[in-house]
Amino acid sequence: MDTTKRREALGAAIKTRRVEQGLSQERLAFMVGSSKAHIWRIEKGSVGVGLDDLCRIADALDTKVSELMPF
């Protein structure tokens, strides 16, 4: 699996968890100290995610980082 596909898979997993929990992109961004635009780019797979950001996202979604990485 190439980098683009990994980013897309990670973004889709984050979006799925976010939607399941009834969170908007704006609310998730607030919870992790980011911007709505950055969350949107992560969910679309158009940017890479640093470990610190990924951990904050996982914590906000009450999940493990490994559960957001289906690859």
Protein backbone atom coordinates (compact mmCIF):
# COMPACT_ATOMS: atom_id res chain seq x y z
CA MET A 1 0.00 0.00 0.00
CA ASP A 2 1.44 3.37 -0.96
CA THR A 3 1.51 6.53 1.17
CA THR A 4 -1.54 8.08 -0.47
CA LYS A 5 -3.65 4.99 0.17
CA ARG A 6 -2.48 4.87 3.81
CA ARG A 7 -3.38 8.53 4.34
CA GLU A 8 -6.81 7.94 2.77
CA ALA A 9 -7.43 4.85 4.92
CA LEU A 10 -6.42 6.69 8.08
CA GLY A 11 -8.60 9.66 7.17
CA ALA A 12 -11.59 7.43 6.46
CA ALA A 13 -11.17 5.66 9.81
CA ILE A 14 -11.00 8.99 11.65
CA LYS A 15 -14.07 10.28 9.82
CA THR A 16 -16.01 7.09 10.55
CA ARG A 17 -15.26 7.31 14.29
CA ARG A 18 -16.06 11.02 14.34
CA VAL A 19 -19.42 10.55 12.61
CA GLU A 20 -20.31 7.56 14.81
CA GLN A 21 -19.82 9.78 17.83
CA GLY A 22 -21.88 12.61 16.37
CA LEU A 23 -18.97 15.04 16.30
CA SER A 24 -18.57 17.75 13.70
CA GLN A 25 -15.18 18.45 12.18
CA GLU A 26 -15.26 21.76 14.01
CA ARG A 27 -15.86 20.08 17.38
CA LEU A 28 -13.11 17.50 16.82
CA ALA A 29 -10.74 20.28 15.79
CA PHE A 30 -11.52 22.15 19.00
CA MET A 31 -10.96 19.01 21.07
CA VAL A 32 -7.52 18.40 19.56
CA GLY A 33 -6.40 22.02 19.30
CA SER A 34 -6.47 22.14 15.53
CA SER A 35 -8.52 23.79 12.80
CA LYS A 36 -11.56 22.45 10.98
CA ALA A 37 -9.64 22.81 7.71
CA HIS A 38 -6.81 20.65 9.02
CA ILE A 39 -9.24 17.93 10.17
CA TRP A 40 -10.88 18.06 6.73
CA ARG A 41 -7.48 17.61 5.02
CA ILE A 42 -6.63 14.69 7.32
CA GLU A 43 -9.95 12.99 6.62
CA LYS A 44 -9.48 13.46 2.87
CA GLY A 45 -5.98 11.98 3.08
CA SER A 46 -4.36 15.02 1.55
CA VAL A 47 -1.89 15.63 4.40
CA GLY A 48 0.27 13.49 6.61
CA VAL A 49 -0.43 13.35 10.33
CA GLY A 50 2.25 13.64 12.97
CA LEU A 51 2.32 11.27 15.90
CA ASP A 52 1.34 13.95 18.42
CA ASP A 53 -1.69 14.99 16.34
CA LEU A 54 -2.67 11.38 15.78
CA CYS A 55 -2.53 10.66 19.51
CA ARG A 56 -4.67 13.73 20.29
CA ILE A 57 -7.22 12.66 17.67
CA ALA A 58 -7.33 9.11 19.05
CA ASP A 59 -7.77 10.43 22.59
CA ALA A 60 -10.57 12.77 21.50
CA LEU A 61 -12.30 9.86 19.75
CA ASP A 62 -11.74 7.61 22.78
CA THR A 63 -9.91 5.01 20.75
CA LYS A 64 -6.42 3.63 20.24
CA VAL A 65 -4.14 4.90 17.49
CA SER A 66 -3.86 1.33 16.22
CA GLU A 67 -7.63 1.17 15.71
CA LEU A 68 -7.42 4.16 13.35
CA MET A 69 -4.82 2.44 11.18
CA PRO A 70 -6.52 -0.36 9.22
CA PHE A 71 -3.36 -1.21 7.29
